[in-house]
Amino acid sequence: MGFSRYYAAQTPGLVLTGEQRATLVRRTYTLVLACVFITLGGTWFGLQNESILVAVAQHPIITMLLSFGAAAVWFAYTSLSPSSEGYDFLTPAVIAGTPLMLRVLQKPLDKLLGPLYKLLNALPRPLLVGAALAVPVVLGGIFTRAVGGYGGLRRSAFVSVILGYILTRRPESIA
């Protein structure tokens, strides 16, 4: 009797039961919590050992290897199960590329952000490190609600790395 211009709702690529969704959420949040604890422990250990800070400052390849390793782990993790968004190549590029970009542009950024660094020097270092560690958690919640999916994660990773860099960077010319 005629036609309808409304199409039947298409089901997403993967339909999970309630138990499967709960298991996926538990695993994801367990991984996130483990990463937070590992980051806190690594940061505490690194800040307690001057030789580690000096080695990383003298050999920036260490930071690059860690960021590329994190990108590889993220790609492997998201490739384990099919997603309605398909394979995620852009998020690992953001995870690995943002620290690389900051390293390449370090001198111009130090000149540009010099006045801000002088203001941040007035704050206690542990407060700035704590704020840098809290930024990804806070922004992750905000961007996930606002954008959702990998897009929110990409924005959170990009902005968090840049803000963490600004909060913790201490150029020799300023300090």
N, C-alpha and C. Protein backbone atom coordinates (compact mmCIF):
# COMPACT_ATOMS: atom_id res chain seq x y z
N MET A 1 0.82 -1.17 0.00
CA MET A 1 0.00 0.00 0.00
C MET A 1 0.87 1.24 0.00
N GLY A 2 1.64 1.48 -0.96
CA GLY A 2 2.51 2.65 -0.97
C GLY A 2 3.92 2.30 -0.49
N PHE A 3 4.64 3.34 -0.19
CA PHE A 3 6.01 3.10 0.27
C PHE A 3 6.28 3.98 1.49
N SER A 4 7.32 3.60 2.17
CA SER A 4 7.73 4.37 3.35
C SER A 4 9.11 4.93 3.08
N ARG A 5 9.32 6.16 3.40
CA ARG A 5 10.64 6.74 3.19
C ARG A 5 11.57 6.46 4.37
N TYR A 6 11.07 5.76 5.36
CA TYR A 6 11.89 5.41 6.52
C TYR A 6 12.41 3.99 6.35
N TYR A 7 13.71 3.85 6.51
CA TYR A 7 14.32 2.53 6.37
C TYR A 7 14.34 1.83 7.71
N ALA A 8 14.34 0.53 7.66
CA ALA A 8 14.43 -0.24 8.90
C ALA A 8 15.78 0.06 9.56
N ALA A 9 15.75 0.14 10.85
CA ALA A 9 16.99 0.43 11.58
C ALA A 9 17.99 -0.69 11.35
N GLN A 10 19.20 -0.33 11.00
CA GLN A 10 20.24 -1.33 10.79
C GLN A 10 20.90 -1.65 12.13
N THR A 11 21.22 -2.90 12.30
CA THR A 11 21.90 -3.28 13.53
C THR A 11 23.37 -2.95 13.40
N PRO A 12 24.01 -2.60 14.51
CA PRO A 12 25.45 -2.33 14.45
C PRO A 12 26.19 -3.60 14.07
N GLY A 13 27.44 -3.46 13.68
CA GLY A 13 28.23 -4.59 13.20
C GLY A 13 28.31 -5.74 14.17
N LEU A 14 28.35 -5.47 15.46
CA LEU A 14 28.52 -6.51 16.45
C LEU A 14 27.48 -6.31 17.54
N VAL A 15 26.69 -7.33 17.79
CA VAL A 15 25.67 -7.25 18.83
C VAL A 15 26.13 -8.12 19.99
N LEU A 16 26.28 -7.50 21.15
CA LEU A 16 26.75 -8.21 22.33
C LEU A 16 25.61 -8.38 23.32
N THR A 17 25.65 -9.48 24.05
CA THR A 17 24.67 -9.67 25.12
C THR A 17 25.07 -8.79 26.30
N GLY A 18 24.20 -8.67 27.25
CA GLY A 18 24.48 -7.87 28.44
C GLY A 18 25.70 -8.38 29.19
N GLU A 19 25.84 -9.68 29.30
CA GLU A 19 26.99 -10.27 30.00
C GLU A 19 28.29 -9.99 29.24
N GLN A 20 28.25 -10.06 27.91
CA GLN A 20 29.44 -9.78 27.12
C GLN A 20 29.85 -8.32 27.23
N ARG A 21 28.86 -7.42 27.24
CA ARG A 21 29.17 -6.00 27.40
C ARG A 21 29.77 -5.73 28.76
N ALA A 22 29.21 -6.35 29.80
CA ALA A 22 29.74 -6.16 31.15
C ALA A 22 31.18 -6.67 31.25
N THR A 23 31.46 -7.81 30.63
CA THR A 23 32.82 -8.34 30.63
C THR A 23 33.77 -7.41 29.89
N LEU A 24 33.34 -6.89 28.76
CA LEU A 24 34.16 -5.96 27.99
C LEU A 24 34.45 -4.69 28.79
N VAL A 25 33.44 -4.15 29.45
CA VAL A 25 33.62 -2.95 30.27
C VAL A 25 34.57 -3.23 31.43
N ARG A 26 34.39 -4.38 32.11
CA ARG A 26 35.30 -4.72 33.21
C ARG A 26 36.73 -4.83 32.73
N ARG A 27 36.94 -5.50 31.61
CA ARG A 27 38.30 -5.66 31.09
C ARG A 27 38.90 -4.32 30.69
N THR A 28 38.12 -3.48 30.05
CA THR A 28 38.63 -2.19 29.61
C THR A 28 39.00 -1.32 30.81
N TYR A 29 38.12 -1.23 31.80
CA TYR A 29 38.42 -0.40 32.96
C TYR A 29 39.54 -0.99 33.81
N THR A 30 39.67 -2.32 33.82
CA THR A 30 40.80 -2.93 34.51
C THR A 30 42.11 -2.56 33.82
N LEU A 31 42.11 -2.56 32.50
CA LEU A 31 43.30 -2.15 31.75
C LEU A 31 43.62 -0.68 32.01
N VAL A 32 42.62 0.16 32.00
CA VAL A 32 42.83 1.59 32.26
C VAL A 32 43.38 1.80 33.67
N LEU A 33 42.79 1.13 34.66
CA LEU A 33 43.25 1.27 36.04
C LEU A 33 44.68 0.77 36.18
N ALA A 34 45.00 -0.34 35.55
CA ALA A 34 46.38 -0.86 35.60
C ALA A 34 47.34 0.15 34.97
N CYS A 35 46.94 0.76 33.86
CA CYS A 35 47.79 1.77 33.22
C CYS A 35 48.01 2.98 34.12
N VAL A 36 46.96 3.40 34.82
CA VAL A 36 47.10 4.53 35.74
C VAL A 36 48.08 4.19 36.85
N PHE A 37 47.96 3.00 37.45
CA PHE A 37 48.88 2.61 38.52
C PHE A 37 50.31 2.47 38.01
N ILE A 38 50.48 1.91 36.82
CA ILE A 38 51.82 1.78 36.24
C ILE A 38 52.42 3.16 35.99
N THR A 39 51.60 4.07 35.47
CA THR A 39 52.08 5.44 35.23
C THR A 39 52.46 6.13 36.52
N LEU A 40 51.62 5.99 37.55
CA LEU A 40 51.94 6.61 38.84
C LEU A 40 53.23 6.03 39.42
N GLY A 41 53.37 4.71 39.36
CA GLY A 41 54.58 4.08 39.89
C GLY A 41 55.81 4.47 39.10
N GLY A 42 55.68 4.48 37.78
CA GLY A 42 56.82 4.88 36.95
C GLY A 42 57.21 6.33 37.16
N THR A 43 56.22 7.19 37.31
CA THR A 43 56.51 8.61 37.55
C THR A 43 57.19 8.79 38.91
N TRP A 44 56.67 8.13 39.93
CA TRP A 44 57.27 8.22 41.25
C TRP A 44 58.71 7.72 41.22
N PHE A 45 58.92 6.55 40.59
CA PHE A 45 60.27 5.99 40.50
C PHE A 45 61.20 6.92 39.74
N GLY A 46 60.72 7.46 38.62
CA GLY A 46 61.54 8.35 37.81
C GLY A 46 61.90 9.63 38.52
N LEU A 47 60.95 10.19 39.26
CA LEU A 47 61.24 11.44 39.98
C LEU A 47 62.15 11.21 41.18
N GLN A 48 62.21 10.01 41.69
CA GLN A 48 63.09 9.70 42.82
C GLN A 48 64.53 9.44 42.39
N ASN A 49 64.75 9.17 41.11
CA ASN A 49 66.07 8.80 40.61
C ASN A 49 66.57 9.84 39.62
N GLU A 50 67.47 10.66 40.06
CA GLU A 50 68.02 11.73 39.22
C GLU A 50 68.69 11.17 37.96
N SER A 51 69.32 10.00 38.08
CA SER A 51 70.03 9.44 36.93
C SER A 51 69.07 9.09 35.79
N ILE A 52 67.85 8.66 36.12
CA ILE A 52 66.86 8.36 35.08
C ILE A 52 66.43 9.64 34.39
N LEU A 53 66.18 10.70 35.16
CA LEU A 53 65.78 11.97 34.56
C LEU A 53 66.87 12.50 33.64
N VAL A 54 68.13 12.38 34.06
CA VAL A 54 69.24 12.85 33.24
C VAL A 54 69.35 12.02 31.96
N ALA A 55 69.21 10.69 32.10
CA ALA A 55 69.30 9.82 30.92
C ALA A 55 68.22 10.13 29.90
N VAL A 56 67.00 10.35 30.35
CA VAL A 56 65.90 10.67 29.44
C VAL A 56 66.11 12.03 28.80
N ALA A 57 66.61 12.99 29.58
CA ALA A 57 66.87 14.32 29.03
C ALA A 57 67.98 14.29 27.98
N GLN A 58 69.00 13.45 28.20
CA GLN A 58 70.12 13.39 27.26
C GLN A 58 69.80 12.52 26.04
N HIS A 59 68.91 11.57 26.19
CA HIS A 59 68.58 10.64 25.11
C HIS A 59 67.06 10.62 24.87
N PRO A 60 66.54 11.58 24.13
CA PRO A 60 65.09 11.65 23.92
C PRO A 60 64.52 10.45 23.16
N ILE A 61 65.39 9.62 22.59
CA ILE A 61 64.90 8.44 21.89
C ILE A 61 64.16 7.51 22.86
N ILE A 62 64.51 7.57 24.15
CA ILE A 62 63.83 6.74 25.15
C ILE A 62 62.34 7.09 25.18
N THR A 63 62.03 8.36 25.19
CA THR A 63 60.63 8.80 25.20
C THR A 63 59.94 8.39 23.91
N MET A 64 60.62 8.52 22.79
CA MET A 64 60.03 8.15 21.51
C MET A 64 59.73 6.65 21.46
N LEU A 65 60.65 5.83 21.95
CA LEU A 65 60.41 4.38 21.97
C LEU A 65 59.19 4.03 22.82
N LEU A 66 59.05 4.72 23.96
CA LEU A 66 57.89 4.46 24.82
C LEU A 66 56.58 4.88 24.15
N SER A 67 56.58 6.01 23.48
CA SER A 67 55.34 6.45 22.83
C SER A 67 54.98 5.54 21.64
N PHE A 68 55.99 5.11 20.88
CA PHE A 68 55.70 4.19 19.78
C PHE A 68 55.27 2.82 20.32
N GLY A 69 55.84 2.41 21.45
CA GLY A 69 55.40 1.17 22.09
C GLY A 69 53.96 1.25 22.56
N ALA A 70 53.59 2.40 23.15
CA ALA A 70 52.20 2.59 23.59
C ALA A 70 51.24 2.57 22.40
N ALA A 71 51.66 3.16 21.29
CA ALA A 71 50.82 3.15 20.08
C ALA A 71 50.64 1.72 19.56
N ALA A 72 51.72 0.93 19.58
CA ALA A 72 51.63 -0.46 19.12
C ALA A 72 50.72 -1.28 20.03
N VAL A 73 50.83 -1.07 21.34
CA VAL A 73 49.96 -1.78 22.28
C VAL A 73 48.51 -1.39 22.06
N TRP A 74 48.25 -0.10 21.84
CA TRP A 74 46.87 0.34 21.60
C TRP A 74 46.32 -0.31 20.33
N PHE A 75 47.10 -0.33 19.25
CA PHE A 75 46.63 -0.92 18.01
C PHE A 75 46.35 -2.41 18.20
N ALA A 76 47.24 -3.10 18.90
CA ALA A 76 47.04 -4.54 19.14
C ALA A 76 45.78 -4.77 19.98
N TYR A 77 45.57 -3.94 21.00
CA TYR A 77 44.41 -4.10 21.88
C TYR A 77 43.11 -3.87 21.12
N THR A 78 43.07 -2.83 20.30
CA THR A 78 41.82 -2.53 19.58
C THR A 78 41.60 -3.48 18.42
N SER A 79 42.63 -4.18 17.98
CA SER A 79 42.49 -5.14 16.87
C SER A 79 42.02 -6.50 17.34
N LEU A 80 41.98 -6.73 18.66
CA LEU A 80 41.61 -8.04 19.18
C LEU A 80 40.16 -8.41 18.88
N SER A 81 39.28 -7.46 19.02
CA SER A 81 37.86 -7.77 18.78
C SER A 81 37.31 -6.79 17.74
N PRO A 82 36.40 -7.25 16.91
CA PRO A 82 35.84 -6.36 15.90
C PRO A 82 35.05 -5.22 16.53
N SER A 83 35.10 -4.10 15.88
CA SER A 83 34.41 -2.91 16.37
C SER A 83 33.55 -2.36 15.24
N SER A 84 32.53 -1.62 15.63
CA SER A 84 31.69 -1.00 14.61
C SER A 84 32.45 0.11 13.89
N GLU A 85 33.56 0.58 14.48
CA GLU A 85 34.36 1.63 13.87
C GLU A 85 35.48 1.07 13.00
N GLY A 86 35.66 -0.24 12.97
CA GLY A 86 36.73 -0.85 12.16
C GLY A 86 38.08 -0.71 12.83
N TYR A 87 39.13 -0.97 12.07
CA TYR A 87 40.48 -0.85 12.62
C TYR A 87 40.81 0.62 12.86
N ASP A 88 41.51 0.85 13.94
CA ASP A 88 41.84 2.21 14.34
C ASP A 88 43.32 2.47 14.05
N PHE A 89 43.60 3.19 12.98
CA PHE A 89 44.97 3.54 12.64
C PHE A 89 45.32 4.95 13.10
N LEU A 90 44.31 5.82 13.21
CA LEU A 90 44.58 7.22 13.53
C LEU A 90 44.96 7.42 15.00
N THR A 91 44.33 6.69 15.92
CA THR A 91 44.67 6.87 17.33
C THR A 91 46.12 6.49 17.62
N PRO A 92 46.64 5.35 17.12
CA PRO A 92 48.07 5.09 17.33
C PRO A 92 48.97 6.17 16.71
N ALA A 93 48.54 6.74 15.59
CA ALA A 93 49.33 7.83 14.99
C ALA A 93 49.36 9.05 15.90
N VAL A 94 48.23 9.33 16.56
CA VAL A 94 48.18 10.45 17.50
C VAL A 94 49.04 10.14 18.74
N ILE A 95 48.93 8.91 19.25
CA ILE A 95 49.68 8.53 20.44
C ILE A 95 51.19 8.61 20.19
N ALA A 96 51.63 8.15 19.02
CA ALA A 96 53.07 8.17 18.71
C ALA A 96 53.53 9.50 18.13
N GLY A 97 52.67 10.16 17.38
CA GLY A 97 53.07 11.37 16.67
C GLY A 97 53.10 12.63 17.51
N THR A 98 52.24 12.73 18.51
CA THR A 98 52.21 13.95 19.31
C THR A 98 53.51 14.18 20.08
N PRO A 99 54.05 13.18 20.81
CA PRO A 99 55.34 13.41 21.46
C PRO A 99 56.47 13.69 20.46
N LEU A 100 56.42 13.03 19.31
CA LEU A 100 57.43 13.28 18.28
C LEU A 100 57.34 14.71 17.78
N MET A 101 56.12 15.19 17.55
CA MET A 101 55.91 16.56 17.11
C MET A 101 56.41 17.56 18.16
N LEU A 102 56.12 17.27 19.44
CA LEU A 102 56.58 18.16 20.50
C LEU A 102 58.10 18.20 20.58
N ARG A 103 58.75 17.07 20.34
CA ARG A 103 60.21 17.03 20.36
C ARG A 103 60.80 17.80 19.19
N VAL A 104 60.22 17.64 18.01
CA VAL A 104 60.73 18.34 16.83
C VAL A 104 60.55 19.85 16.97
N LEU A 105 59.42 20.26 17.54
CA LEU A 105 59.11 21.69 17.69
C LEU A 105 59.49 22.23 19.07
N GLN A 106 60.37 21.57 19.78
CA GLN A 106 60.69 21.93 21.16
C GLN A 106 61.24 23.35 21.30
N LYS A 107 62.21 23.74 20.50
CA LYS A 107 62.81 25.07 20.63
C LYS A 107 61.82 26.19 20.31
N PRO A 108 61.07 26.12 19.21
CA PRO A 108 60.08 27.18 18.98
C PRO A 108 58.99 27.23 20.07
N LEU A 109 58.59 26.05 20.56
CA LEU A 109 57.58 26.02 21.62
C LEU A 109 58.12 26.63 22.92
N ASP A 110 59.40 26.38 23.23
CA ASP A 110 59.99 26.97 24.43
C ASP A 110 59.98 28.49 24.36
N LYS A 111 60.27 29.03 23.18
CA LYS A 111 60.24 30.49 23.02
C LYS A 111 58.81 31.01 23.15
N LEU A 112 57.88 30.32 22.52
CA LEU A 112 56.48 30.75 22.54
C LEU A 112 55.88 30.67 23.94
N LEU A 113 56.20 29.60 24.67
CA LEU A 113 55.60 29.36 25.98
C LEU A 113 56.46 29.87 27.14
N GLY A 114 57.54 30.59 26.85
CA GLY A 114 58.43 31.11 27.89
C GLY A 114 57.72 31.84 29.02
N PRO A 115 56.84 32.81 28.72
CA PRO A 115 56.15 33.51 29.81
C PRO A 115 55.28 32.58 30.67
N LEU A 116 54.65 31.59 30.04
CA LEU A 116 53.83 30.65 30.80
C LEU A 116 54.70 29.77 31.70
N TYR A 117 55.87 29.37 31.19
CA TYR A 117 56.79 28.57 32.01
C TYR A 117 57.24 29.34 33.25
N LYS A 118 57.46 30.66 33.10
CA LYS A 118 57.86 31.47 34.25
C LYS A 118 56.76 31.49 35.31
N LEU A 119 55.51 31.56 34.88
CA LEU A 119 54.39 31.52 35.83
C LEU A 119 54.28 30.15 36.50
N LEU A 120 54.47 29.09 35.72
CA LEU A 120 54.36 27.74 36.27
C LEU A 120 55.50 27.42 37.23
N ASN A 121 56.66 28.08 37.08
CA ASN A 121 57.78 27.85 38.00
C ASN A 121 57.45 28.26 39.42
N ALA A 122 56.46 29.13 39.59
CA ALA A 122 56.07 29.56 40.94
C ALA A 122 55.29 28.47 41.68
N LEU A 123 54.74 27.50 40.95
CA LEU A 123 53.96 26.43 41.57
C LEU A 123 54.87 25.28 41.96
N PRO A 124 54.53 24.55 43.03
CA PRO A 124 55.35 23.40 43.43
C PRO A 124 55.35 22.31 42.36
N ARG A 125 56.50 21.72 42.15
CA ARG A 125 56.66 20.69 41.11
C ARG A 125 55.71 19.50 41.31
N PRO A 126 55.55 18.96 42.53
CA PRO A 126 54.61 17.84 42.70
C PRO A 126 53.17 18.19 42.30
N LEU A 127 52.77 19.42 42.51
CA LEU A 127 51.43 19.85 42.11
C LEU A 127 51.28 19.80 40.59
N LEU A 128 52.30 20.25 39.87
CA LEU A 128 52.25 20.24 38.41
C LEU A 128 52.27 18.81 37.86
N VAL A 129 53.08 17.94 38.47
CA VAL A 129 53.13 16.54 38.02
C VAL A 129 51.79 15.87 38.29
N GLY A 130 51.19 16.12 39.46
CA GLY A 130 49.87 15.57 39.77
C GLY A 130 48.81 16.07 38.81
N ALA A 131 48.87 17.34 38.47
CA ALA A 131 47.92 17.89 37.50
C ALA A 131 48.12 17.25 36.13
N ALA A 132 49.39 17.05 35.74
CA ALA A 132 49.66 16.43 34.44
C ALA A 132 49.15 14.99 34.40
N LEU A 133 49.21 14.29 35.53
CA LEU A 133 48.69 12.92 35.58
C LEU A 133 47.16 12.89 35.61
N ALA A 134 46.55 13.94 36.16
CA ALA A 134 45.09 13.98 36.25
C ALA A 134 44.43 14.43 34.95
N VAL A 135 45.15 15.16 34.13
CA VAL A 135 44.58 15.71 32.89
C VAL A 135 43.98 14.63 31.99
N PRO A 136 44.68 13.50 31.72
CA PRO A 136 44.06 12.49 30.83
C PRO A 136 42.78 11.89 31.39
N VAL A 137 42.72 11.73 32.71
CA VAL A 137 41.52 11.14 33.32
C VAL A 137 40.34 12.10 33.16
N VAL A 138 40.56 13.36 33.47
CA VAL A 138 39.48 14.35 33.38
C VAL A 138 39.06 14.57 31.93
N LEU A 139 40.04 14.79 31.06
CA LEU A 139 39.70 15.03 29.65
C LEU A 139 39.10 13.79 28.99
N GLY A 140 39.56 12.61 29.41
CA GLY A 140 38.97 11.38 28.86
C GLY A 140 37.49 11.30 29.12
N GLY A 141 37.08 11.64 30.34
CA GLY A 141 35.65 11.64 30.66
C GLY A 141 34.89 12.69 29.88
N ILE A 142 35.46 13.87 29.76
CA ILE A 142 34.78 14.96 29.04
C ILE A 142 34.64 14.63 27.56
N PHE A 143 35.74 14.23 26.91
CA PHE A 143 35.70 13.96 25.47
C PHE A 143 34.90 12.71 25.15
N THR A 144 34.91 11.71 26.03
CA THR A 144 34.13 10.50 25.76
C THR A 144 32.65 10.82 25.78
N ARG A 145 32.23 11.67 26.71
CA ARG A 145 30.81 12.04 26.77
C ARG A 145 30.43 12.93 25.59
N ALA A 146 31.32 13.85 25.23
CA ALA A 146 30.99 14.82 24.19
C ALA A 146 31.06 14.22 22.79
N VAL A 147 32.11 13.44 22.52
CA VAL A 147 32.34 12.94 21.17
C VAL A 147 32.08 11.44 21.08
N GLY A 148 32.62 10.69 22.02
CA GLY A 148 32.44 9.25 22.05
C GLY A 148 33.36 8.52 21.09
N GLY A 149 33.51 7.24 21.32
CA GLY A 149 34.30 6.39 20.43
C GLY A 149 35.76 6.77 20.34
N TYR A 150 36.36 6.38 19.22
CA TYR A 150 37.78 6.66 19.02
C TYR A 150 38.05 8.16 18.86
N GLY A 151 37.08 8.90 18.35
CA GLY A 151 37.27 10.34 18.18
C GLY A 151 37.51 11.04 19.50
N GLY A 152 36.74 10.67 20.51
CA GLY A 152 36.96 11.24 21.84
C GLY A 152 38.30 10.84 22.41
N LEU A 153 38.68 9.59 22.16
CA LEU A 153 39.97 9.12 22.65
C LEU A 153 41.12 9.86 21.97
N ARG A 154 41.01 10.07 20.68
CA ARG A 154 42.06 10.80 19.95
C ARG A 154 42.22 12.22 20.49
N ARG A 155 41.11 12.89 20.67
CA ARG A 155 41.16 14.26 21.18
C ARG A 155 41.76 14.28 22.59
N SER A 156 41.34 13.34 23.41
CA SER A 156 41.86 13.26 24.77
C SER A 156 43.35 12.99 24.78
N ALA A 157 43.82 12.05 23.95
CA ALA A 157 45.25 11.74 23.90
C ALA A 157 46.06 12.94 23.42
N PHE A 158 45.58 13.61 22.39
CA PHE A 158 46.31 14.74 21.83
C PHE A 158 46.41 15.89 22.84
N VAL A 159 45.28 16.31 23.39
CA VAL A 159 45.26 17.45 24.30
C VAL A 159 45.98 17.09 25.61
N SER A 160 45.82 15.86 26.09
CA SER A 160 46.47 15.45 27.34
C SER A 160 47.98 15.47 27.24
N VAL A 161 48.51 15.00 26.12
CA VAL A 161 49.97 14.99 25.95
C VAL A 161 50.49 16.43 25.88
N ILE A 162 49.79 17.30 25.16
CA ILE A 162 50.24 18.69 25.05
C ILE A 162 50.16 19.39 26.41
N LEU A 163 49.06 19.21 27.14
CA LEU A 163 48.97 19.85 28.46
C LEU A 163 49.98 19.26 29.44
N GLY A 164 50.19 17.95 29.39
CA GLY A 164 51.21 17.34 30.24
C GLY A 164 52.59 17.88 29.93
N TYR A 165 52.87 18.09 28.66
CA TYR A 165 54.15 18.67 28.23
C TYR A 165 54.31 20.08 28.79
N ILE A 166 53.26 20.88 28.66
CA ILE A 166 53.33 22.26 29.15
C ILE A 166 53.50 22.29 30.67
N LEU A 167 52.79 21.42 31.38
CA LEU A 167 52.86 21.44 32.84
C LEU A 167 54.19 20.93 33.39
N THR A 168 54.83 20.01 32.69
CA THR A 168 56.03 19.39 33.25
C THR A 168 57.33 19.84 32.59
N ARG A 169 57.29 20.51 31.47
CA ARG A 169 58.51 20.94 30.77
C ARG A 169 59.17 22.08 31.50
N ARG A 170 60.47 21.97 31.67
CA ARG A 170 61.26 23.03 32.28
C ARG A 170 62.49 23.28 31.41
N PRO A 171 62.40 24.21 30.45
CA PRO A 171 63.56 24.48 29.59
C PRO A 171 64.70 25.08 30.41
N GLU A 172 65.92 24.80 29.98
CA GLU A 172 67.10 25.29 30.70
C GLU A 172 67.17 26.81 30.69
N SER A 173 66.72 27.45 29.60
CA SER A 173 66.80 28.91 29.51
C SER A 173 65.84 29.60 30.47
N ILE A 174 64.78 28.92 30.89
CA ILE A 174 63.76 29.51 31.78
C ILE A 174 64.05 29.16 33.24
N ALA A 175 64.41 27.90 33.49
CA ALA A 175 64.53 27.40 34.87
C ALA A 175 65.62 28.06 35.65
